[in-house]
PDB file of N, CA and C in Angstrom:
ATOM      1  N   MET A   1     195.565  43.417  93.345  1.00  0.00           N
ATOM      2  CA  MET A   1     195.314  43.174  92.192  1.00  0.00           C
ATOM      3  C   MET A   1     194.134  41.838  92.420  1.00  0.00           C
ATOM      4  N   ASN A   2     193.803  41.571  92.046  1.00  0.00           N
ATOM      5  CA  ASN A   2     192.923  40.019  92.391  1.00  0.00           C
ATOM      6  C   ASN A   2     192.897  39.733  90.988  1.00  0.00           C
ATOM      7  N   LYS A   3     192.382  38.406  91.142  1.00  0.00           N
ATOM      8  CA  LYS A   3     191.524  37.638  89.148  1.00  0.00           C
ATOM      9  C   LYS A   3     190.978  38.481  88.745  1.00  0.00           C
ATOM     10  N   SER A   4     189.832  38.813  89.041  1.00  0.00           N
ATOM     11  CA  SER A   4     188.768  39.101  87.715  1.00  0.00           C
ATOM     12  C   SER A   4     189.656  40.716  87.563  1.00  0.00           C
ATOM     13  N   ASP A   5     190.495  41.613  88.135  1.00  0.00           N
ATOM     14  CA  ASP A   5     191.291  42.471  87.711  1.00  0.00           C
ATOM     15  C   ASP A   5     192.071  42.410  86.917  1.00  0.00           C
ATOM     16  N   LEU A   6     192.625  40.717  87.120  1.00  0.00           N
ATOM     17  CA  LEU A   6     193.557  41.063  86.496  1.00  0.00           C
ATOM     18  C   LEU A   6     193.283  39.701  84.341  1.00  0.00           C
ATOM     19  N   VAL A   7     191.812  39.317  84.861  1.00  0.00           N
ATOM     20  CA  VAL A   7     191.225  39.092  84.014  1.00  0.00           C
ATOM     21  C   VAL A   7     190.889  40.673  82.910  1.00  0.00           C
ATOM     22  N   LYS A   8     190.108  40.944  83.871  1.00  0.00           N
ATOM     23  CA  LYS A   8     189.928  42.368  82.932  1.00  0.00           C
ATOM     24  C   LYS A   8     191.359  43.081  81.942  1.00  0.00           C
ATOM     25  N   LYS A   9     192.865  42.856  82.773  1.00  0.00           N
ATOM     26  CA  LYS A   9     193.524  43.754  81.996  1.00  0.00           C
ATOM     27  C   LYS A   9     193.947  42.907  80.912  1.00  0.00           C
ATOM     28  N   VAL A  10     194.127  41.286  81.293  1.00  0.00           N
ATOM     29  CA  VAL A  10     194.218  40.405  79.686  1.00  0.00           C
ATOM     30  C   VAL A  10     193.578  40.889  78.692  1.00  0.00           C
ATOM     31  N   ALA A  11     192.008  41.302  78.784  1.00  0.00           N
ATOM     32  CA  ALA A  11     190.656  41.091  77.726  1.00  0.00           C
ATOM     33  C   ALA A  11     191.181  42.589  77.619  1.00  0.00           C
ATOM     34  N   ASP A  12     191.445  43.460  78.402  1.00  0.00           N
ATOM     35  CA  ASP A  12     191.763  44.518  77.392  1.00  0.00           C
ATOM     36  C   ASP A  12     193.268  45.080  76.801  1.00  0.00           C
ATOM     37  N   LYS A  13     194.320  44.119  77.601  1.00  0.00           N
ATOM     38  CA  LYS A  13     195.487  44.529  76.695  1.00  0.00           C
ATOM     39  C   LYS A  13     194.995  43.361  75.103  1.00  0.00           C
ATOM     40  N   THR A  14     195.021  42.155  74.929  1.00  0.00           N
ATOM     41  CA  THR A  14     194.864  41.570  74.087  1.00  0.00           C
ATOM     42  C   THR A  14     192.945  41.467  73.170  1.00  0.00           C
ATOM     43  N   GLU A  15     192.335  41.938  73.515  1.00  0.00           N
ATOM     44  CA  GLU A  15     191.074  42.222  72.931  1.00  0.00           C
ATOM     45  C   GLU A  15     190.604  41.071  72.953  1.00  0.00           C
ATOM     46  N   LEU A  16     190.000  40.479  74.055  1.00  0.00           N
ATOM     47  CA  LEU A  16     189.686  39.068  73.952  1.00  0.00           C
ATOM     48  C   LEU A  16     188.628  39.447  74.485  1.00  0.00           C
ATOM     49  N   SER A  17     187.338  38.900  74.215  1.00  0.00           N
ATOM     50  CA  SER A  17     186.330  38.828  75.091  1.00  0.00           C
ATOM     51  C   SER A  17     187.112  38.051  76.491  1.00  0.00           C
ATOM     52  N   HIS A  18     185.930  38.622  77.362  1.00  0.00           N
ATOM     53  CA  HIS A  18     185.928  38.474  78.702  1.00  0.00           C
ATOM     54  C   HIS A  18     186.240  36.771  79.327  1.00  0.00           C
ATOM     55  N   LYS A  19     185.069  36.153  78.809  1.00  0.00           N
ATOM     56  CA  LYS A  19     185.521  35.113  78.474  1.00  0.00           C
ATOM     57  C   LYS A  19     186.286  33.901  78.494  1.00  0.00           C
ATOM     58  N   ASP A  20     186.610  34.971  77.256  1.00  0.00           N
ATOM     59  CA  ASP A  20     188.381  34.057  76.300  1.00  0.00           C
ATOM     60  C   ASP A  20     189.312  33.902  77.887  1.00  0.00           C
ATOM     61  N   ALA A  21     189.753  35.582  77.782  1.00  0.00           N
ATOM     62  CA  ALA A  21     190.231  35.643  78.924  1.00  0.00           C
ATOM     63  C   ALA A  21     191.439  35.470  79.698  1.00  0.00           C
ATOM     64  N   SER A  22     189.432  35.020  80.480  1.00  0.00           N
ATOM     65  CA  SER A  22     189.548  34.093  81.903  1.00  0.00           C
ATOM     66  C   SER A  22     189.796  32.817  81.923  1.00  0.00           C
ATOM     67  N   SER A  23     189.295  32.549  80.788  1.00  0.00           N
ATOM     68  CA  SER A  23     189.601  31.089  80.831  1.00  0.00           C
ATOM     69  C   SER A  23     191.605  30.857  79.907  1.00  0.00           C
ATOM     70  N   SER A  24     192.126  32.054  79.262  1.00  0.00           N
ATOM     71  CA  SER A  24     192.992  32.177  79.356  1.00  0.00           C
ATOM     72  C   SER A  24     193.950  32.252  80.213  1.00  0.00           C
ATOM     73  N   VAL A  25     193.732  33.048  81.730  1.00  0.00           N
ATOM     74  CA  VAL A  25     194.003  33.203  82.548  1.00  0.00           C
ATOM     75  C   VAL A  25     194.258  31.494  83.700  1.00  0.00           C
ATOM     76  N   ASN A  26     192.664  30.289  83.493  1.00  0.00           N
ATOM     77  CA  ASN A  26     192.653  30.053  84.337  1.00  0.00           C
ATOM     78  C   ASN A  26     193.569  28.917  84.000  1.00  0.00           C
ATOM     79  N   ALA A  27     193.298  28.825  82.342  1.00  0.00           N
ATOM     80  CA  ALA A  27     194.762  27.966  81.775  1.00  0.00           C
ATOM     81  C   ALA A  27     196.227  28.149  82.549  1.00  0.00           C
ATOM     82  N   VAL A  28     196.522  29.271  82.323  1.00  0.00           N
ATOM     83  CA  VAL A  28     197.890  29.703  82.575  1.00  0.00           C
ATOM     84  C   VAL A  28     198.028  29.647  84.183  1.00  0.00           C
ATOM     85  N   LEU A  29     196.879  29.671  84.830  1.00  0.00           N
ATOM     86  CA  LEU A  29     197.061  29.373  86.732  1.00  0.00           C
ATOM     87  C   LEU A  29     197.401  27.444  86.944  1.00  0.00           C
ATOM     88  N   ASP A  30     196.704  27.434  86.413  1.00  0.00           N
ATOM     89  CA  ASP A  30     196.096  25.676  85.865  1.00  0.00           C
ATOM     90  C   ASP A  30     197.423  24.980  85.925  1.00  0.00           C
ATOM     91  N   ALA A  31     198.337  25.589  84.412  1.00  0.00           N
ATOM     92  CA  ALA A  31     198.960  24.901  83.962  1.00  0.00           C
ATOM     93  C   ALA A  31     200.889  24.494  85.086  1.00  0.00           C
ATOM     94  N   VAL A  32     200.398  26.102  85.717  1.00  0.00           N
ATOM     95  CA  VAL A  32     201.805  26.403  86.764  1.00  0.00           C
ATOM     96  C   VAL A  32     201.259  25.136  88.523  1.00  0.00           C
ATOM     97  N   LYS A  33     200.765  25.040  88.223  1.00  0.00           N
ATOM     98  CA  LYS A  33     199.460  24.081  89.647  1.00  0.00           C
ATOM     99  C   LYS A  33     200.100  22.851  89.226  1.00  0.00           C
ATOM    100  N   ASP A  34     199.371  22.267  87.667  1.00  0.00           N
ATOM    101  CA  ASP A  34     200.274  21.243  87.684  1.00  0.00           C
ATOM    102  C   ASP A  34     201.536  20.720  87.673  1.00  0.00           C
ATOM    103  N   ALA A  35     202.431  21.909  87.653  1.00  0.00           N
ATOM    104  CA  ALA A  35     204.052  21.597  86.800  1.00  0.00           C
ATOM    105  C   ALA A  35     204.081  21.817  88.450  1.00  0.00           C
ATOM    106  N   LEU A  36     203.935  22.262  89.007  1.00  0.00           N
ATOM    107  CA  LEU A  36     204.029  22.443  91.144  1.00  0.00           C
ATOM    108  C   LEU A  36     203.901  21.257  91.617  1.00  0.00           C
ATOM    109  N   ALA A  37     202.607  20.289  91.299  1.00  0.00           N
ATOM    110  CA  ALA A  37     202.022  19.142  91.509  1.00  0.00           C
ATOM    111  C   ALA A  37     202.906  17.904  90.806  1.00  0.00           C
ATOM    112  N   ALA A  38     203.476  18.221  90.388  1.00  0.00           N
ATOM    113  CA  ALA A  38     204.338  17.515  89.566  1.00  0.00           C
ATOM    114  C   ALA A  38     206.124  16.961  90.063  1.00  0.00           C
ATOM    115  N   GLY A  39     206.139  18.423  90.688  1.00  0.00           N
ATOM    116  CA  GLY A  39     206.797  18.339  91.703  1.00  0.00           C
ATOM    117  C   GLY A  39     208.500  19.267  90.025  1.00  0.00           C
ATOM    118  N   ASP A  40     207.844  20.250  89.628  1.00  0.00           N
ATOM    119  CA  ASP A  40     208.227  20.647  88.807  1.00  0.00           C
ATOM    120  C   ASP A  40     209.023  22.191  88.884  1.00  0.00           C
ATOM    121  N   LYS A  41     209.818  22.436  87.740  1.00  0.00           N
ATOM    122  CA  LYS A  41     209.557  24.170  88.576  1.00  0.00           C
ATOM    123  C   LYS A  41     209.154  24.773  87.351  1.00  0.00           C
ATOM    124  N   VAL A  42     208.437  26.158  87.688  1.00  0.00           N
ATOM    125  CA  VAL A  42     208.129  26.528  86.537  1.00  0.00           C
ATOM    126  C   VAL A  42     209.162  27.962  86.609  1.00  0.00           C
ATOM    127  N   THR A  43     210.007  28.269  85.184  1.00  0.00           N
ATOM    128  CA  THR A  43     210.510  29.015  85.123  1.00  0.00           C
ATOM    129  C   THR A  43     210.344  30.068  84.229  1.00  0.00           C
ATOM    130  N   LEU A  44     209.329  31.911  84.442  1.00  0.00           N
ATOM    131  CA  LEU A  44     209.308  32.630  83.420  1.00  0.00           C
ATOM    132  C   LEU A  44     210.462  33.819  83.415  1.00  0.00           C
ATOM    133  N   VAL A  45     211.019  33.844  82.302  1.00  0.00           N
ATOM    134  CA  VAL A  45     212.231  35.042  82.090  1.00  0.00           C
ATOM    135  C   VAL A  45     212.515  36.278  82.617  1.00  0.00           C
ATOM    136  N   GLY A  46     212.366  37.241  83.112  1.00  0.00           N
ATOM    137  CA  GLY A  46     212.244  38.027  83.600  1.00  0.00           C
ATOM    138  C   GLY A  46     211.316  38.289  84.972  1.00  0.00           C
ATOM    139  N   PHE A  47     210.212  37.481  84.275  1.00  0.00           N
ATOM    140  CA  PHE A  47     209.183  38.153  85.766  1.00  0.00           C
ATOM    141  C   PHE A  47     210.160  36.527  87.122  1.00  0.00           C
ATOM    142  N   GLY A  48     209.565  35.451  86.266  1.00  0.00           N
ATOM    143  CA  GLY A  48     209.794  34.782  87.961  1.00  0.00           C
ATOM    144  C   GLY A  48     209.838  33.217  87.571  1.00  0.00           C
ATOM    145  N   THR A  49     210.506  32.455  89.121  1.00  0.00           N
ATOM    146  CA  THR A  49     210.568  30.503  89.238  1.00  0.00           C
ATOM    147  C   THR A  49     209.131  30.571  90.131  1.00  0.00           C
ATOM    148  N   PHE A  50     208.514  29.950  89.995  1.00  0.00           N
ATOM    149  CA  PHE A  50     207.368  29.024  90.769  1.00  0.00           C
ATOM    150  C   PHE A  50     208.607  28.119  90.907  1.00  0.00           C
ATOM    151  N   GLY A  51     208.377  27.062  92.010  1.00  0.00           N
ATOM    152  CA  GLY A  51     208.999  25.759  92.269  1.00  0.00           C
ATOM    153  C   GLY A  51     208.384  25.445  94.138  1.00  0.00           C
ATOM    154  N   VAL A  52     208.724  23.668  94.681  1.00  0.00           N
ATOM    155  CA  VAL A  52     207.931  23.366  95.160  1.00  0.00           C
ATOM    156  C   VAL A  52     209.999  23.498  96.983  1.00  0.00           C
ATOM    157  N   LYS A  53     209.163  23.578  97.678  1.00  0.00           N
ATOM    158  CA  LYS A  53     210.572  22.652  97.952  1.00  0.00           C
ATOM    159  C   LYS A  53     209.422  21.983  99.584  1.00  0.00           C
ATOM    160  N   ASN A  54     210.727  21.298  99.409  1.00  0.00           N
ATOM    161  CA  ASN A  54     209.920  20.139 100.961  1.00  0.00           C
ATOM    162  C   ASN A  54     210.919  20.394 102.102  1.00  0.00           C
ATOM    163  N   ARG A  55     209.669  20.536 103.094  1.00  0.00           N
ATOM    164  CA  ARG A  55     209.959  21.312 104.730  1.00  0.00           C
ATOM    165  C   ARG A  55     210.372  19.862 105.428  1.00  0.00           C
ATOM    166  N   MET A  56     211.253  19.248 106.329  1.00  0.00           N
ATOM    167  CA  MET A  56     211.498  18.187 107.011  1.00  0.00           C
ATOM    168  C   MET A  56     210.731  18.508 108.349  1.00  0.00           C
ATOM    169  N   GLU A  57     210.296  16.978 108.688  1.00  0.00           N
ATOM    170  CA  GLU A  57     209.466  16.816 110.306  1.00  0.00           C
ATOM    171  C   GLU A  57     210.147  17.812 111.204  1.00  0.00           C
ATOM    172  N   ARG A  58     210.044  18.596 111.536  1.00  0.00           N
ATOM    173  CA  ARG A  58     209.973  19.154 112.389  1.00  0.00           C
ATOM    174  C   ARG A  58     209.660  18.589 114.212  1.00  0.00           C
ATOM    175  N   LYS A  59     210.092  19.289 115.635  1.00  0.00           N
ATOM    176  CA  LYS A  59     209.545  19.148 116.401  1.00  0.00           C
ATOM    177  C   LYS A  59     209.320  21.224 116.449  1.00  0.00           C
ATOM    178  N   GLY A  60     207.805  21.358 117.115  1.00  0.00           N
ATOM    179  CA  GLY A  60     207.038  22.664 117.941  1.00  0.00           C
ATOM    180  C   GLY A  60     206.549  22.542 118.680  1.00  0.00           C
ATOM    181  N   LYS A  61     206.332  23.899 119.545  1.00  0.00           N
ATOM    182  CA  LYS A  61     205.605  23.427 120.774  1.00  0.00           C
ATOM    183  C   LYS A  61     204.215  24.237 120.824  1.00  0.00           C
ATOM    184  N   HIS A  62     202.734  23.324 120.669  1.00  0.00           N
ATOM    185  CA  HIS A  62     201.310  23.680 121.368  1.00  0.00           C
ATOM    186  C   HIS A  62     201.420  25.112 121.952  1.00  0.00           C
ATOM    187  N   PRO A  63     200.690  25.919 120.797  1.00  0.00           N
ATOM    188  CA  PRO A  63     200.791  27.830 121.450  1.00  0.00           C
ATOM    189  C   PRO A  63     199.948  27.455 122.886  1.00  0.00           C
ATOM    190  N   ARG A  64     199.014  26.430 122.831  1.00  0.00           N
ATOM    191  CA  ARG A  64     198.608  26.714 124.104  1.00  0.00           C
ATOM    192  C   ARG A  64     197.760  26.042 125.127  1.00  0.00           C
ATOM    193  N   THR A  65     198.604  24.974 125.151  1.00  0.00           N
ATOM    194  CA  THR A  65     199.589  24.089 126.295  1.00  0.00           C
ATOM    195  C   THR A  65     200.931  23.206 126.351  1.00  0.00           C
ATOM    196  N   GLY A  66     201.308  24.154 125.196  1.00  0.00           N
ATOM    197  CA  GLY A  66     203.032  24.286 125.619  1.00  0.00           C
ATOM    198  C   GLY A  66     203.852  22.922 125.371  1.00  0.00           C
ATOM    199  N   LYS A  67     202.509  22.018 124.693  1.00  0.00           N
ATOM    200  CA  LYS A  67     203.716  20.548 124.733  1.00  0.00           C
ATOM    201  C   LYS A  67     204.342  20.829 123.738  1.00  0.00           C
ATOM    202  N   SER A  68     205.239  19.138 124.001  1.00  0.00           N
ATOM    203  CA  SER A  68     205.557  19.311 122.980  1.00  0.00           C
ATOM    204  C   SER A  68     205.268  18.541 121.663  1.00  0.00           C
ATOM    205  N   ILE A  69     205.512  19.286 120.264  1.00  0.00           N
ATOM    206  CA  ILE A  69     204.531  19.033 119.561  1.00  0.00           C
ATOM    207  C   ILE A  69     205.578  17.938 118.154  1.00  0.00           C
ATOM    208  N   VAL A  70     205.619  16.955 116.409  1.00  0.00           N
ATOM    209  CA  VAL A  70     205.437  16.973 116.230  1.00  0.00           C
ATOM    210  C   VAL A  70     205.177  17.367 114.557  1.00  0.00           C
ATOM    211  N   ILE A  71     205.947  18.441 114.568  1.00  0.00           N
ATOM    212  CA  ILE A  71     204.816  18.840 113.057  1.00  0.00           C
ATOM    213  C   ILE A  71     206.172  18.172 111.813  1.00  0.00           C
ATOM    214  N   PRO A  72     204.865  17.549 110.584  1.00  0.00           N
ATOM    215  CA  PRO A  72     204.672  16.731 110.275  1.00  0.00           C
ATOM    216  C   PRO A  72     205.983  17.462 108.988  1.00  0.00           C
ATOM    217  N   ALA A  73     206.108  16.689 107.405  1.00  0.00           N
ATOM    218  CA  ALA A  73     206.961  17.139 107.386  1.00  0.00           C
ATOM    219  C   ALA A  73     205.637  17.443 105.257  1.00  0.00           C
ATOM    220  N   LYS A  74     206.071  18.755 104.719  1.00  0.00           N
ATOM    221  CA  LYS A  74     205.094  18.437 103.394  1.00  0.00           C
ATOM    222  C   LYS A  74     206.107  19.498 102.382  1.00  0.00           C
ATOM    223  N   ALA A  75     205.225  20.337 101.179  1.00  0.00           N
ATOM    224  CA  ALA A  75     205.370  20.558 100.463  1.00  0.00           C
ATOM    225  C   ALA A  75     205.323  21.914 100.726  1.00  0.00           C
ATOM    226  N   VAL A  76     206.426  23.119 100.060  1.00  0.00           N
ATOM    227  CA  VAL A  76     205.167  23.634  99.853  1.00  0.00           C
ATOM    228  C   VAL A  76     206.041  25.173  99.175  1.00  0.00           C
ATOM    229  N   PRO A  77     204.981  25.803  98.167  1.00  0.00           N
ATOM    230  CA  PRO A  77     205.204  26.389  96.511  1.00  0.00           C
ATOM    231  C   PRO A  77     205.817  27.526  96.668  1.00  0.00           C
ATOM    232  N   TYR A  78     206.712  27.768  96.687  1.00  0.00           N
ATOM    233  CA  TYR A  78     207.625  29.071  97.044  1.00  0.00           C
ATOM    234  C   TYR A  78     207.687  30.194  95.615  1.00  0.00           C
ATOM    235  N   PHE A  79     207.985  31.374  95.570  1.00  0.00           N
ATOM    236  CA  PHE A  79     208.612  32.291  94.225  1.00  0.00           C
ATOM    237  C   PHE A  79     209.252  32.742  94.376  1.00  0.00           C
ATOM    238  N   SER A  80     210.214  33.047  93.723  1.00  0.00           N
ATOM    239  CA  SER A  80     211.369  33.743  93.725  1.00  0.00           C
ATOM    240  C   SER A  80     211.542  34.697  91.779  1.00  0.00           C
ATOM    241  N   SER A  81     210.839  36.197  93.054  1.00  0.00           N
ATOM    242  CA  SER A  81     210.787  36.997  91.616  1.00  0.00           C
ATOM    243  C   SER A  81     212.045  37.529  90.387  1.00  0.00           C
ATOM    244  N   GLY A  82     212.255  37.615  89.594  1.00  0.00           N
ATOM    245  CA  GLY A  82     212.885  37.712  88.543  1.00  0.00           C
ATOM    246  C   GLY A  82     213.457  39.182  88.625  1.00  0.00           C
ATOM    247  N   LYS A  83     214.671  39.713  87.576  1.00  0.00           N
ATOM    248  CA  LYS A  83     214.868  40.745  87.590  1.00  0.00           C
ATOM    249  C   LYS A  83     214.538  42.069  87.225  1.00  0.00           C
ATOM    250  N   GLU A  84     214.207  41.264  86.777  1.00  0.00           N
ATOM    251  CA  GLU A  84     213.012  43.003  85.756  1.00  0.00           C
ATOM    252  C   GLU A  84     211.735  42.574  86.365  1.00  0.00           C
ATOM    253  N   LEU A  85     211.136  41.961  87.013  1.00  0.00           N
ATOM    254  CA  LEU A  85     210.047  42.198  87.766  1.00  0.00           C
ATOM    255  C   LEU A  85     210.462  43.142  89.713  1.00  0.00           C
ATOM    256  N   ARG A  86     211.991  42.875  89.646  1.00  0.00           N
ATOM    257  CA  ARG A  86     212.050  43.488  90.366  1.00  0.00           C
ATOM    258  C   ARG A  86     212.311  44.945  89.873  1.00  0.00           C
ATOM    259  N   ASP A  87     213.347  44.748  89.323  1.00  0.00           N
ATOM    260  CA  ASP A  87     213.446  46.744  88.549  1.00  0.00           C
ATOM    261  C   ASP A  87     212.204  47.498  88.043  1.00  0.00           C
ATOM    262  N   ALA A  88     210.979  46.361  88.179  1.00  0.00           N
ATOM    263  CA  ALA A  88     209.601  46.865  87.648  1.00  0.00           C
ATOM    264  C   ALA A  88     208.708  48.013  88.980  1.00  0.00           C
ATOM    265  N   ALA A  89     208.872  46.625  89.934  1.00  0.00           N
ATOM    266  CA  ALA A  89     208.555  46.911  91.812  1.00  0.00           C
ATOM    267  C   ALA A  89     209.088  48.279  92.392  1.00  0.00           C
ATOM    268  N   SER A  90     210.520  48.255  91.520  1.00  0.00           N
ATOM    269  CA  SER A  90     211.089  49.554  93.107  1.00  0.00           C
ATOM    270  C   SER A  90     211.873  50.105  91.883  1.00  0.00           C
ATOM    271  N   ALA A  91     210.625  51.287  90.956  1.00  0.00           N
ATOM    272  CA  ALA A  91     211.208  51.400  89.542  1.00  0.00           C
ATOM    273  C   ALA A  91     210.595  53.638  90.444  1.00  0.00           C
ATOM    274  N   PRO A  92     211.188  54.415  90.438  1.00  0.00           N
ATOM    275  CA  PRO A  92     210.855  55.556  90.762  1.00  0.00           C
ATOM    276  C   PRO A  92     209.356  55.787  91.299  1.00  0.00           C
ATOM    277  N   ALA A  93     209.681  57.033  92.139  1.00  0.00           N
ATOM    278  CA  ALA A  93     208.149  57.402  92.662  1.00  0.00           C
ATOM    279  C   ALA A  93     207.386  58.139  92.133  1.00  0.00           C
ATOM    280  N   ALA A  94     208.220  58.461  90.805  1.00  0.00           N
ATOM    281  CA  ALA A  94     207.275  59.599  90.525  1.00  0.00           C
ATOM    282  C   ALA A  94     206.234  58.456  88.745  1.00  0.00           C
ATOM    283  N   THR A  95     207.410  57.785  88.579  1.00  0.00           N
ATOM    284  CA  THR A  95     206.348  56.795  87.731  1.00  0.00           C
ATOM    285  C   THR A  95     205.226  56.243  88.412  1.00  0.00           C
ATOM    286  N   LYS A  96     204.962  55.379  89.630  1.00  0.00           N
ATOM    287  CA  LYS A  96     204.247  55.054  90.138  1.00  0.00           C
ATOM    288  C   LYS A  96     202.406  56.230  90.407  1.00  0.00           C
ATOM    289  N   LYS A  97     201.521  55.621  90.237  1.00  0.00           N
ATOM    290  CA  LYS A  97     200.198  56.376  91.015  1.00  0.00           C
ATOM    291  C   LYS A  97     200.709  57.023  92.582  1.00  0.00           C
ATOM    292  N   LYS A  98     200.127  57.949  93.167  1.00  0.00           N
ATOM    293  CA  LYS A  98     201.008  58.265  93.920  1.00  0.00           C
ATOM    294  C   LYS A  98     199.590  58.459  95.215  1.00  0.00           C
ATOM    295  N   ALA A  99     199.990  57.840  96.112  1.00  0.00           N
ATOM    296  CA  ALA A  99     198.049  57.645  97.212  1.00  0.00           C
ATOM    297  C   ALA A  99     197.741  59.643  97.968  1.00  0.00           C
ATOM    298  N   ALA A 100     196.615  58.797  98.340  1.00  0.00           N
ATOM    299  CA  ALA A 100     196.008  60.267  97.976  1.00  0.00           C
ATOM    300  C   ALA A 100     196.946  61.062  99.694  1.00  0.00           C
ATOM    301  N   PRO A 101     197.230  61.755  99.959  1.00  0.00           N
ATOM    302  CA  PRO A 101     197.533  62.638 100.577  1.00  0.00           C
ATOM    303  C   PRO A 101     196.887  62.805 101.840  1.00  0.00           C
ATOM    304  N   ALA A 102     197.170  62.278 103.112  1.00  0.00           N
ATOM    305  CA  ALA A 102     196.452  61.534 104.070  1.00  0.00           C
ATOM    306  C   ALA A 102     195.863  63.503 105.012  1.00  0.00           C
ATOM    307  N   LYS A 103     194.764  62.934 105.135  1.00  0.00           N
ATOM    308  CA  LYS A 103     194.155  63.900 105.802  1.00  0.00           C
ATOM    309  C   LYS A 103     194.775  64.091 107.557  1.00  0.00           C
ATOM    310  N   LYS A 104     194.599  65.590 107.512  1.00  0.00           N
ATOM    311  CA  LYS A 104     195.647  65.858 108.537  1.00  0.00           C
ATOM    312  C   LYS A 104     194.328  66.133 109.768  1.00  0.00           C
ATOM    313  N   ALA A 105     194.893  65.259 111.041  1.00  0.00           N
ATOM    314  CA  ALA A 105     193.437  65.808 111.949  1.00  0.00           C
ATOM    315  C   ALA A 105     193.402  67.051 112.847  1.00  0.00           C
ATOM    316  N   GLU A 106     192.421  67.495 113.140  1.00  0.00           N
ATOM    317  CA  GLU A 106     191.692  68.435 113.373  1.00  0.00           C
ATOM    318  C   GLU A 106     192.404  68.462 115.319  1.00  0.00           C
ATOM    319  N   LYS A 107     193.249  69.402 115.529  1.00  0.00           N
ATOM    320  CA  LYS A 107     193.481  69.249 117.400  1.00  0.00           C
ATOM    321  C   LYS A 107     192.901  69.876 117.653  1.00  0.00           C
ATOM    322  N   ALA A 108     191.879  68.676 118.864  1.00  0.00           N
ATOM    323  CA  ALA A 108     190.793  68.936 119.525  1.00  0.00           C
ATOM    324  C   ALA A 108     191.818  69.487 121.513  1.00  0.00           C
ATOM    325  N   ALA A 109     190.773  69.872 121.439  1.00  0.00           N
ATOM    326  CA  ALA A 109     191.515  70.020 123.391  1.00  0.00           C
ATOM    327  C   ALA A 109     191.524  68.855 124.101  1.00  0.00           C
ATOM    328  N   PRO A 110     193.360  68.858 124.869  1.00  0.00           N
ATOM    329  CA  PRO A 110     193.285  67.551 125.582  1.00  0.00           C
ATOM    330  C   PRO A 110     191.937  67.033 126.623  1.00  0.00           C
ATOM    331  N   ALA A 111     191.778  66.132 126.915  1.00  0.00           N
ATOM    332  CA  ALA A 111     190.718  65.686 127.047  1.00  0.00           C
ATOM    333  C   ALA A 111     191.928  65.429 129.162  1.00  0.00           C
ATOM    334  N   PRO A 112     190.248  66.242 129.527  1.00  0.00           N
ATOM    335  CA  PRO A 112     190.303  66.662 131.134  1.00  0.00           C
ATOM    336  C   PRO A 112     190.673  64.632 131.504  1.00  0.00           C
ATOM    337  N   VAL A 113     192.107  64.923 132.505  1.00  0.00           N
ATOM    338  CA  VAL A 113     192.419  63.907 133.082  1.00  0.00           C
ATOM    339  C   VAL A 113     192.395  63.461 134.961  1.00  0.00           C
ATOM    340  N   ALA A 114     191.743  62.925 135.289  1.00  0.00           N
ATOM    341  CA  ALA A 114     190.540  62.651 136.458  1.00  0.00           C
ATOM    342  C   ALA A 114     192.303  62.466 137.268  1.00  0.00           C
ATOM    343  N   PRO A 115     191.819  62.105 139.138  1.00  0.00           N
ATOM    344  CA  PRO A 115     193.079  62.282 139.381  1.00  0.00           C
ATOM    345  C   PRO A 115     193.170  60.957 140.039  1.00  0.00           C
ATOM    346  N   PRO A 116     194.749  59.816 140.116  1.00  0.00           N
ATOM    347  CA  PRO A 116     194.509  58.593 140.409  1.00  0.00           C
ATOM    348  C   PRO A 116     193.772  58.720 141.233  1.00  0.00           C
ATOM    349  N   ALA A 117     192.853  56.982 141.652  1.00  0.00           N
ATOM    350  CA  ALA A 117     192.754  56.411 142.140  1.00  0.00           C
ATOM    351  C   ALA A 117     193.670  56.477 144.024  1.00  0.00           C
ATOM    352  N   PRO A 118     192.607  56.783 145.019  1.00  0.00           N
ATOM    353  CA  PRO A 118     193.967  55.812 145.932  1.00  0.00           C
ATOM    354  C   PRO A 118     193.751  54.509 146.434  1.00  0.00           C
ATOM    355  N   PRO A 119     194.671  54.024 146.956  1.00  0.00           N
ATOM    356  CA  PRO A 119     195.391  52.230 147.079  1.00  0.00           C
ATOM    357  C   PRO A 119     193.742  52.265 148.135  1.00  0.00           C
ATOM    358  N   ALA A 120     193.192  51.077 147.491  1.00  0.00           N
ATOM    359  CA  ALA A 120     192.798  50.029 148.619  1.00  0.00           C
ATOM    360  C   ALA A 120     193.646  49.643 149.708  1.00  0.00           C
ATOM    361  N   PRO A 121     191.858  49.588 150.833  1.00  0.00           N
ATOM    362  CA  PRO A 121     192.899  49.016 151.661  1.00  0.00           C
ATOM    363  C   PRO A 121     193.567  47.873 152.301  1.00  0.00           C
ATOM    364  N   ALA A 122     194.395  47.747 152.764  1.00  0.00           N
ATOM    365  CA  ALA A 122     195.184  46.203 152.562  1.00  0.00           C
ATOM    366  C   ALA A 122     194.076  45.269 153.660  1.00  0.00           C
ATOM    367  N   PRO A 123     194.280  43.979 153.014  1.00  0.00           N
ATOM    368  CA  PRO A 123     193.509  43.324 153.741  1.00  0.00           C
ATOM    369  C   PRO A 123     193.606  43.540 155.465  1.00  0.00           C
ATOM    370  N   LYS A 124     192.962  43.071 155.851  1.00  0.00           N
ATOM    371  CA  LYS A 124     193.440  42.278 158.180  1.00  0.00           C
ATOM    372  C   LYS A 124     193.560  41.162 157.871  1.00  0.00           C
ATOM    373  N   LYS A 125     194.414  40.603 158.910  1.00  0.00           N
ATOM    374  CA  LYS A 125     195.155  39.173 159.120  1.00  0.00           C
ATOM    375  C   LYS A 125     194.535  38.736 159.545  1.00  0.00           C
ATOM    376  N   GLY A 126     194.087  37.181 160.206  1.00  0.00           N
ATOM    377  CA  GLY A 126     193.849  37.409 160.856  1.00  0.00           C
ATOM    378  C   GLY A 126     192.032  35.844 161.032  1.00  0.00           C
ATOM    379  N   LYS A 127     191.582  35.449 162.204  1.00  0.00           N
ATOM    380  CA  LYS A 127     190.195  34.895 161.861  1.00  0.00           C
ATOM    381  C   LYS A 127     189.220  35.894 161.124  1.00  0.00           C
ATOM    382  N   LYS A 128     188.538  34.904 160.354  1.00  0.00           N
ATOM    383  CA  LYS A 128     186.693  35.834 159.659  1.00  0.00           C
ATOM    384  C   LYS A 128     185.694  35.464 160.697  1.00  0.00           C
TER     385      LYS A 128
END
């Protein structure tokens, strides 16, 4: 589900127009973003908690050159799910939508295997 799907769902459940539902969803997301920017936690009982964790400066290696670098400290957002959300996500499979069964591939005749190539001759030692 993406943001436009969420707006559609909110509009259907609340009987708001698409424009009003979009404004509502944007207002909630902006409020969460503003609270996190201020360093606050946002707790929605039963759903989960949004917060900010501070990562300390640390040493790392540049993947291409292998040189040691310093990775600067930064704040990163996190989400911790609540019990009701975890329970809903792990509901029995009978209540969830079933995925379409995978199509079985037809068995094809195995491809012919070529014989291995002879080894290349060793280079001659000496002057060229």
